PDB file of N, CA and C in Angstrom:
ATOM      1  N   UNK A   1    -165.105   4.244 -63.393  1.00  0.00           N
ATOM      2  CA  UNK A   1    -165.371   3.272 -64.428  1.00  0.00           C
ATOM      3  C   UNK A   1    -164.280   2.208 -64.414  1.00  0.00           C
ATOM      4  N   UNK A   2    -164.679   0.957 -64.534  1.00  0.00           N
ATOM      5  CA  UNK A   2    -163.720  -0.146 -64.541  1.00  0.00           C
ATOM      6  C   UNK A   2    -162.926  -0.160 -65.838  1.00  0.00           C
ATOM      7  N   UNK A   3    -161.670  -0.497 -65.711  1.00  0.00           N
ATOM      8  CA  UNK A   3    -160.834  -0.640 -66.902  1.00  0.00           C
ATOM      9  C   UNK A   3    -161.079  -2.014 -67.513  1.00  0.00           C
ATOM     10  N   UNK A   4    -161.230  -2.107 -68.829  1.00  0.00           N
ATOM     11  CA  UNK A   4    -161.397  -3.418 -69.449  1.00  0.00           C
ATOM     12  C   UNK A   4    -160.099  -4.223 -69.361  1.00  0.00           C
ATOM     13  N   UNK A   5    -160.242  -5.533 -69.372  1.00  0.00           N
ATOM     14  CA  UNK A   5    -159.080  -6.409 -69.334  1.00  0.00           C
ATOM     15  C   UNK A   5    -158.371  -6.383 -70.685  1.00  0.00           C
ATOM     16  N   UNK A   6    -157.063  -6.259 -70.645  1.00  0.00           N
ATOM     17  CA  UNK A   6    -156.231  -6.326 -71.843  1.00  0.00           C
ATOM     18  C   UNK A   6    -155.386  -7.588 -71.739  1.00  0.00           C
ATOM     19  N   UNK A   7    -155.408  -8.402 -72.792  1.00  0.00           N
ATOM     20  CA  UNK A   7    -154.597  -9.621 -72.838  1.00  0.00           C
ATOM     21  C   UNK A   7    -153.360  -9.360 -73.685  1.00  0.00           C
ATOM     22  N   UNK A   8    -152.205  -9.644 -73.119  1.00  0.00           N
ATOM     23  CA  UNK A   8    -150.938  -9.495 -73.825  1.00  0.00           C
ATOM     24  C   UNK A   8    -150.382 -10.897 -74.048  1.00  0.00           C
ATOM     25  N   UNK A   9    -150.124 -11.239 -75.305  1.00  0.00           N
ATOM     26  CA  UNK A   9    -149.581 -12.549 -75.647  1.00  0.00           C
ATOM     27  C   UNK A   9    -148.109 -12.367 -75.992  1.00  0.00           C
ATOM     28  N   UNK A  10    -147.269 -13.129 -75.299  1.00  0.00           N
ATOM     29  CA  UNK A  10    -145.820 -13.046 -75.488  1.00  0.00           C
ATOM     30  C   UNK A  10    -145.283 -14.418 -75.890  1.00  0.00           C
ATOM     31  N   UNK A  11    -145.121 -14.653 -77.195  1.00  0.00           N
ATOM     32  CA  UNK A  11    -144.527 -15.930 -77.614  1.00  0.00           C
ATOM     33  C   UNK A  11    -143.020 -15.895 -77.359  1.00  0.00           C
ATOM     34  N   UNK A  12    -142.470 -17.041 -77.009  1.00  0.00           N
ATOM     35  CA  UNK A  12    -141.035 -17.107 -76.740  1.00  0.00           C
ATOM     36  C   UNK A  12    -140.493 -18.483 -77.092  1.00  0.00           C
ATOM     37  N   UNK A  13    -139.220 -18.515 -77.439  1.00  0.00           N
ATOM     38  CA  UNK A  13    -138.544 -19.771 -77.737  1.00  0.00           C
ATOM     39  C   UNK A  13    -137.080 -19.646 -77.318  1.00  0.00           C
ATOM     40  N   UNK A  14    -136.675 -20.434 -76.328  1.00  0.00           N
ATOM     41  CA  UNK A  14    -135.298 -20.449 -75.823  1.00  0.00           C
ATOM     42  C   UNK A  14    -134.768 -19.046 -75.506  1.00  0.00           C
ATOM     43  N   UNK A  15    -135.540 -18.296 -74.744  1.00  0.00           N
ATOM     44  CA  UNK A  15    -135.136 -16.944 -74.358  1.00  0.00           C
ATOM     45  C   UNK A  15    -135.113 -16.778 -72.840  1.00  0.00           C
ATOM     46  N   UNK A  16    -134.703 -17.805 -72.148  1.00  0.00           N
ATOM     47  CA  UNK A  16    -134.654 -17.723 -70.685  1.00  0.00           C
ATOM     48  C   UNK A  16    -133.812 -16.539 -70.216  1.00  0.00           C
ATOM     49  N   UNK A  17    -132.802 -16.206 -70.986  1.00  0.00           N
ATOM     50  CA  UNK A  17    -131.881 -15.140 -70.583  1.00  0.00           C
ATOM     51  C   UNK A  17    -132.465 -13.735 -70.784  1.00  0.00           C
ATOM     52  N   UNK A  18    -133.567 -13.598 -71.506  1.00  0.00           N
ATOM     53  CA  UNK A  18    -134.160 -12.267 -71.703  1.00  0.00           C
ATOM     54  C   UNK A  18    -135.642 -12.189 -71.345  1.00  0.00           C
ATOM     55  N   UNK A  19    -136.276 -13.304 -71.073  1.00  0.00           N
ATOM     56  CA  UNK A  19    -137.728 -13.299 -70.878  1.00  0.00           C
ATOM     57  C   UNK A  19    -138.153 -12.474 -69.666  1.00  0.00           C
ATOM     58  N   UNK A  20    -137.375 -12.452 -68.617  1.00  0.00           N
ATOM     59  CA  UNK A  20    -137.774 -11.677 -67.433  1.00  0.00           C
ATOM     60  C   UNK A  20    -137.819 -10.187 -67.755  1.00  0.00           C
ATOM     61  N   UNK A  21    -136.938  -9.709 -68.606  1.00  0.00           N
ATOM     62  CA  UNK A  21    -136.944  -8.300 -68.994  1.00  0.00           C
ATOM     63  C   UNK A  21    -138.218  -7.971 -69.787  1.00  0.00           C
ATOM     64  N   UNK A  22    -138.619  -8.863 -70.678  1.00  0.00           N
ATOM     65  CA  UNK A  22    -139.843  -8.653 -71.448  1.00  0.00           C
ATOM     66  C   UNK A  22    -141.068  -8.680 -70.536  1.00  0.00           C
ATOM     67  N   UNK A  23    -141.099  -9.619 -69.605  1.00  0.00           N
ATOM     68  CA  UNK A  23    -142.217  -9.710 -68.661  1.00  0.00           C
ATOM     69  C   UNK A  23    -142.288  -8.456 -67.795  1.00  0.00           C
ATOM     70  N   UNK A  24    -141.152  -8.027 -67.278  1.00  0.00           N
ATOM     71  CA  UNK A  24    -141.126  -6.806 -66.456  1.00  0.00           C
ATOM     72  C   UNK A  24    -141.642  -5.608 -67.232  1.00  0.00           C
ATOM     73  N   UNK A  25    -141.297  -5.526 -68.509  1.00  0.00           N
ATOM     74  CA  UNK A  25    -141.756  -4.418 -69.332  1.00  0.00           C
ATOM     75  C   UNK A  25    -143.271  -4.382 -69.413  1.00  0.00           C
ATOM     76  N   UNK A  26    -143.894  -5.530 -69.564  1.00  0.00           N
ATOM     77  CA  UNK A  26    -145.358  -5.593 -69.626  1.00  0.00           C
ATOM     78  C   UNK A  26    -145.966  -5.274 -68.265  1.00  0.00           C
ATOM     79  N   UNK A  27    -145.462  -5.887 -67.222  1.00  0.00           N
ATOM     80  CA  UNK A  27    -146.056  -5.723 -65.893  1.00  0.00           C
ATOM     81  C   UNK A  27    -145.854  -4.329 -65.311  1.00  0.00           C
ATOM     82  N   UNK A  28    -144.854  -3.609 -65.786  1.00  0.00           N
ATOM     83  CA  UNK A  28    -144.575  -2.274 -65.256  1.00  0.00           C
ATOM     84  C   UNK A  28    -145.320  -1.157 -65.990  1.00  0.00           C
ATOM     85  N   UNK A  29    -146.245  -1.509 -66.849  1.00  0.00           N
ATOM     86  CA  UNK A  29    -147.055  -0.493 -67.529  1.00  0.00           C
ATOM     87  C   UNK A  29    -147.975   0.185 -66.519  1.00  0.00           C
ATOM     88  N   UNK A  30    -148.399   1.381 -66.833  1.00  0.00           N
ATOM     89  CA  UNK A  30    -149.294   2.094 -65.925  1.00  0.00           C
ATOM     90  C   UNK A  30    -150.705   1.516 -65.950  1.00  0.00           C
ATOM     91  N   UNK A  31    -151.039   0.802 -67.000  1.00  0.00           N
ATOM     92  CA  UNK A  31    -152.336   0.130 -67.098  1.00  0.00           C
ATOM     93  C   UNK A  31    -152.215  -1.192 -66.361  1.00  0.00           C
ATOM     94  N   UNK A  32    -153.020  -1.383 -65.328  1.00  0.00           N
ATOM     95  CA  UNK A  32    -152.845  -2.536 -64.450  1.00  0.00           C
ATOM     96  C   UNK A  32    -153.728  -3.722 -64.809  1.00  0.00           C
ATOM     97  N   UNK A  33    -154.910  -3.491 -65.362  1.00  0.00           N
ATOM     98  CA  UNK A  33    -155.864  -4.576 -65.581  1.00  0.00           C
ATOM     99  C   UNK A  33    -155.503  -5.353 -66.852  1.00  0.00           C
ATOM    100  N   UNK A  34    -154.516  -6.198 -66.714  1.00  0.00           N
ATOM    101  CA  UNK A  34    -154.071  -6.985 -67.859  1.00  0.00           C
ATOM    102  C   UNK A  34    -153.711  -8.393 -67.425  1.00  0.00           C
ATOM    103  N   UNK A  35    -153.706  -9.269 -68.413  1.00  0.00           N
ATOM    104  CA  UNK A  35    -153.179 -10.608 -68.210  1.00  0.00           C
ATOM    105  C   UNK A  35    -152.063 -10.783 -69.223  1.00  0.00           C
ATOM    106  N   UNK A  36    -150.998 -11.430 -68.790  1.00  0.00           N
ATOM    107  CA  UNK A  36    -149.863 -11.698 -69.659  1.00  0.00           C
ATOM    108  C   UNK A  36    -149.802 -13.197 -69.894  1.00  0.00           C
ATOM    109  N   UNK A  37    -149.960 -13.581 -71.138  1.00  0.00           N
ATOM    110  CA  UNK A  37    -149.923 -14.994 -71.497  1.00  0.00           C
ATOM    111  C   UNK A  37    -148.590 -15.252 -72.194  1.00  0.00           C
ATOM    112  N   UNK A  38    -147.700 -15.944 -71.499  1.00  0.00           N
ATOM    113  CA  UNK A  38    -146.398 -16.291 -72.056  1.00  0.00           C
ATOM    114  C   UNK A  38    -146.543 -17.664 -72.703  1.00  0.00           C
ATOM    115  N   UNK A  39    -146.355 -17.715 -74.011  1.00  0.00           N
ATOM    116  CA  UNK A  39    -146.469 -18.973 -74.745  1.00  0.00           C
ATOM    117  C   UNK A  39    -145.064 -19.440 -75.091  1.00  0.00           C
ATOM    118  N   UNK A  40    -144.651 -20.495 -74.421  1.00  0.00           N
ATOM    119  CA  UNK A  40    -143.341 -21.102 -74.640  1.00  0.00           C
ATOM    120  C   UNK A  40    -143.472 -22.076 -75.811  1.00  0.00           C
ATOM    121  N   UNK A  41    -142.833 -21.749 -76.911  1.00  0.00           N
ATOM    122  CA  UNK A  41    -142.986 -22.515 -78.147  1.00  0.00           C
ATOM    123  C   UNK A  41    -141.987 -23.669 -78.228  1.00  0.00           C
ATOM    124  N   UNK A  42    -142.010 -24.533 -77.210  1.00  0.00           N
ATOM    125  CA  UNK A  42    -141.177 -25.730 -77.228  1.00  0.00           C
ATOM    126  C   UNK A  42    -139.733 -25.501 -76.807  1.00  0.00           C
ATOM    127  N   UNK A  43    -139.487 -24.526 -75.971  1.00  0.00           N
ATOM    128  CA  UNK A  43    -138.114 -24.243 -75.524  1.00  0.00           C
ATOM    129  C   UNK A  43    -137.499 -25.444 -74.818  1.00  0.00           C
ATOM    130  N   UNK A  44    -136.180 -25.545 -74.897  1.00  0.00           N
ATOM    131  CA  UNK A  44    -135.460 -26.585 -74.163  1.00  0.00           C
ATOM    132  C   UNK A  44    -134.431 -25.966 -73.229  1.00  0.00           C
ATOM    133  N   UNK A  45    -134.672 -24.716 -72.835  1.00  0.00           N
ATOM    134  CA  UNK A  45    -133.814 -24.059 -71.859  1.00  0.00           C
ATOM    135  C   UNK A  45    -134.623 -23.855 -70.572  1.00  0.00           C
ATOM    136  N   UNK A  46    -134.248 -22.920 -69.744  1.00  0.00           N
ATOM    137  CA  UNK A  46    -134.912 -22.693 -68.455  1.00  0.00           C
ATOM    138  C   UNK A  46    -136.023 -21.644 -68.518  1.00  0.00           C
ATOM    139  N   UNK A  47    -136.643 -21.478 -69.658  1.00  0.00           N
ATOM    140  CA  UNK A  47    -137.694 -20.475 -69.793  1.00  0.00           C
ATOM    141  C   UNK A  47    -138.788 -20.673 -68.759  1.00  0.00           C
ATOM    142  N   UNK A  48    -139.268 -21.890 -68.607  1.00  0.00           N
ATOM    143  CA  UNK A  48    -140.348 -22.163 -67.637  1.00  0.00           C
ATOM    144  C   UNK A  48    -139.927 -21.758 -66.221  1.00  0.00           C
ATOM    145  N   UNK A  49    -138.730 -22.107 -65.824  1.00  0.00           N
ATOM    146  CA  UNK A  49    -138.235 -21.787 -64.479  1.00  0.00           C
ATOM    147  C   UNK A  49    -138.226 -20.274 -64.264  1.00  0.00           C
ATOM    148  N   UNK A  50    -137.751 -19.544 -65.258  1.00  0.00           N
ATOM    149  CA  UNK A  50    -137.683 -18.087 -65.143  1.00  0.00           C
ATOM    150  C   UNK A  50    -139.086 -17.496 -65.034  1.00  0.00           C
ATOM    151  N   UNK A  51    -139.991 -17.919 -65.904  1.00  0.00           N
ATOM    152  CA  UNK A  51    -141.356 -17.378 -65.880  1.00  0.00           C
ATOM    153  C   UNK A  51    -142.034 -17.701 -64.551  1.00  0.00           C
ATOM    154  N   UNK A  52    -141.914 -18.934 -64.091  1.00  0.00           N
ATOM    155  CA  UNK A  52    -142.582 -19.324 -62.851  1.00  0.00           C
ATOM    156  C   UNK A  52    -141.941 -18.717 -61.604  1.00  0.00           C
ATOM    157  N   UNK A  53    -140.750 -18.165 -61.737  1.00  0.00           N
ATOM    158  CA  UNK A  53    -140.119 -17.506 -60.589  1.00  0.00           C
ATOM    159  C   UNK A  53    -140.656 -16.088 -60.377  1.00  0.00           C
ATOM    160  N   UNK A  54    -141.394 -15.593 -61.348  1.00  0.00           N
ATOM    161  CA  UNK A  54    -141.998 -14.262 -61.234  1.00  0.00           C
ATOM    162  C   UNK A  54    -143.421 -14.458 -60.716  1.00  0.00           C
ATOM    163  N   UNK A  55    -143.639 -14.061 -59.502  1.00  0.00           N
ATOM    164  CA  UNK A  55    -144.922 -14.310 -58.840  1.00  0.00           C
ATOM    165  C   UNK A  55    -145.855 -13.119 -59.032  1.00  0.00           C
ATOM    166  N   UNK A  56    -146.659 -13.224 -60.055  1.00  0.00           N
ATOM    167  CA  UNK A  56    -147.659 -12.197 -60.339  1.00  0.00           C
ATOM    168  C   UNK A  56    -148.884 -12.913 -60.890  1.00  0.00           C
ATOM    169  N   UNK A  57    -150.009 -12.695 -60.272  1.00  0.00           N
ATOM    170  CA  UNK A  57    -151.227 -13.418 -60.651  1.00  0.00           C
ATOM    171  C   UNK A  57    -151.693 -13.092 -62.065  1.00  0.00           C
ATOM    172  N   UNK A  58    -151.141 -12.053 -62.668  1.00  0.00           N
ATOM    173  CA  UNK A  58    -151.545 -11.679 -64.022  1.00  0.00           C
ATOM    174  C   UNK A  58    -150.837 -12.511 -65.100  1.00  0.00           C
ATOM    175  N   UNK A  59    -149.850 -13.316 -64.707  1.00  0.00           N
ATOM    176  CA  UNK A  59    -149.081 -14.116 -65.673  1.00  0.00           C
ATOM    177  C   UNK A  59    -149.688 -15.507 -65.809  1.00  0.00           C
ATOM    178  N   UNK A  60    -149.845 -15.932 -67.052  1.00  0.00           N
ATOM    179  CA  UNK A  60    -150.273 -17.294 -67.361  1.00  0.00           C
ATOM    180  C   UNK A  60    -149.206 -17.882 -68.277  1.00  0.00           C
ATOM    181  N   UNK A  61    -148.732 -19.077 -67.946  1.00  0.00           N
ATOM    182  CA  UNK A  61    -147.689 -19.750 -68.731  1.00  0.00           C
ATOM    183  C   UNK A  61    -148.310 -20.907 -69.502  1.00  0.00           C
ATOM    184  N   UNK A  62    -148.068 -20.935 -70.815  1.00  0.00           N
ATOM    185  CA  UNK A  62    -148.566 -22.000 -71.684  1.00  0.00           C
ATOM    186  C   UNK A  62    -147.356 -22.572 -72.420  1.00  0.00           C
ATOM    187  N   UNK A  63    -147.243 -23.900 -72.448  1.00  0.00           N
ATOM    188  CA  UNK A  63    -146.086 -24.549 -73.081  1.00  0.00           C
ATOM    189  C   UNK A  63    -146.527 -25.432 -74.234  1.00  0.00           C
ATOM    190  N   UNK A  64    -145.929 -25.207 -75.405  1.00  0.00           N
ATOM    191  CA  UNK A  64    -146.087 -26.120 -76.534  1.00  0.00           C
ATOM    192  C   UNK A  64    -145.106 -27.269 -76.350  1.00  0.00           C
ATOM    193  N   UNK A  65    -145.493 -28.467 -76.731  1.00  0.00           N
ATOM    194  CA  UNK A  65    -144.591 -29.609 -76.597  1.00  0.00           C
ATOM    195  C   UNK A  65    -143.489 -29.589 -77.649  1.00  0.00           C
ATOM    196  N   UNK A  66    -143.741 -28.882 -78.751  1.00  0.00           N
ATOM    197  CA  UNK A  66    -142.719 -28.736 -79.791  1.00  0.00           C
ATOM    198  C   UNK A  66    -142.870 -27.348 -80.403  1.00  0.00           C
ATOM    199  N   UNK A  67    -141.840 -26.896 -81.088  1.00  0.00           N
ATOM    200  CA  UNK A  67    -141.864 -25.583 -81.709  1.00  0.00           C
ATOM    201  C   UNK A  67    -142.793 -25.595 -82.919  1.00  0.00           C
ATOM    202  N   UNK A  68    -143.725 -24.650 -82.933  1.00  0.00           N
ATOM    203  CA  UNK A  68    -144.697 -24.561 -84.022  1.00  0.00           C
ATOM    204  C   UNK A  68    -144.638 -23.224 -84.743  1.00  0.00           C
ATOM    205  N   UNK A  69    -143.824 -22.316 -84.262  1.00  0.00           N
ATOM    206  CA  UNK A  69    -143.698 -20.999 -84.886  1.00  0.00           C
ATOM    207  C   UNK A  69    -144.461 -19.924 -84.140  1.00  0.00           C
ATOM    208  N   UNK A  70    -144.048 -18.684 -84.366  1.00  0.00           N
ATOM    209  CA  UNK A  70    -144.603 -17.549 -83.629  1.00  0.00           C
ATOM    210  C   UNK A  70    -146.086 -17.341 -83.891  1.00  0.00           C
ATOM    211  N   UNK A  71    -146.531 -17.507 -85.127  1.00  0.00           N
ATOM    212  CA  UNK A  71    -147.947 -17.269 -85.440  1.00  0.00           C
ATOM    213  C   UNK A  71    -148.846 -18.254 -84.690  1.00  0.00           C
ATOM    214  N   UNK A  72    -148.476 -19.526 -84.708  1.00  0.00           N
ATOM    215  CA  UNK A  72    -149.252 -20.530 -83.977  1.00  0.00           C
ATOM    216  C   UNK A  72    -149.230 -20.224 -82.485  1.00  0.00           C
ATOM    217  N   UNK A  73    -148.065 -19.847 -81.965  1.00  0.00           N
ATOM    218  CA  UNK A  73    -147.935 -19.534 -80.539  1.00  0.00           C
ATOM    219  C   UNK A  73    -148.826 -18.354 -80.159  1.00  0.00           C
ATOM    220  N   UNK A  74    -148.880 -17.328 -80.999  1.00  0.00           N
ATOM    221  CA  UNK A  74    -149.751 -16.192 -80.713  1.00  0.00           C
ATOM    222  C   UNK A  74    -151.226 -16.633 -80.680  1.00  0.00           C
ATOM    223  N   UNK A  75    -151.615 -17.426 -81.668  1.00  0.00           N
ATOM    224  CA  UNK A  75    -153.000 -17.905 -81.708  1.00  0.00           C
ATOM    225  C   UNK A  75    -153.328 -18.766 -80.493  1.00  0.00           C
ATOM    226  N   UNK A  76    -152.377 -19.578 -80.056  1.00  0.00           N
ATOM    227  CA  UNK A  76    -152.575 -20.384 -78.856  1.00  0.00           C
ATOM    228  C   UNK A  76    -152.762 -19.477 -77.639  1.00  0.00           C
ATOM    229  N   UNK A  77    -151.967 -18.429 -77.566  1.00  0.00           N
ATOM    230  CA  UNK A  77    -152.115 -17.468 -76.473  1.00  0.00           C
ATOM    231  C   UNK A  77    -153.489 -16.827 -76.459  1.00  0.00           C
ATOM    232  N   UNK A  78    -153.989 -16.483 -77.631  1.00  0.00           N
ATOM    233  CA  UNK A  78    -155.330 -15.889 -77.727  1.00  0.00           C
ATOM    234  C   UNK A  78    -156.376 -16.876 -77.218  1.00  0.00           C
ATOM    235  N   UNK A  79    -156.206 -18.160 -77.560  1.00  0.00           N
ATOM    236  CA  UNK A  79    -157.150 -19.176 -77.086  1.00  0.00           C
ATOM    237  C   UNK A  79    -157.159 -19.295 -75.567  1.00  0.00           C
ATOM    238  N   UNK A  80    -156.034 -18.976 -74.937  1.00  0.00           N
ATOM    239  CA  UNK A  80    -155.931 -19.073 -73.478  1.00  0.00           C
ATOM    240  C   UNK A  80    -156.284 -17.763 -72.776  1.00  0.00           C
ATOM    241  N   UNK A  81    -156.626 -16.745 -73.533  1.00  0.00           N
ATOM    242  CA  UNK A  81    -156.967 -15.470 -72.915  1.00  0.00           C
ATOM    243  C   UNK A  81    -158.375 -15.523 -72.326  1.00  0.00           C
ATOM    244  N   UNK A  82    -158.608 -14.681 -71.362  1.00  0.00           N
ATOM    245  CA  UNK A  82    -159.929 -14.599 -70.747  1.00  0.00           C
ATOM    246  C   UNK A  82    -160.834 -13.750 -71.619  1.00  0.00           C
ATOM    247  N   UNK A  83    -162.114 -14.057 -71.625  1.00  0.00           N
ATOM    248  CA  UNK A  83    -163.067 -13.262 -72.433  1.00  0.00           C
ATOM    249  C   UNK A  83    -163.261 -11.875 -71.854  1.00  0.00           C
TER     250      UNK A  83
END
């Protein structure tokens, strides 16, 4: 039986120094059929560089042009999830 797709939304703001650890935690789960949507809530650090340096087809990066808060970022991530 096929495993259903699970969407994980990870909002972040100026966490370039810890985001790879959070991403690794999600990707190293025993459940493989997932997509990880990293929503950058207007960071002005190297968050994008760090996320894009991790080459895994399950990661989707979404960037807000300005900080809107965690709740908005989560909802944006849901909008970018696959059905």
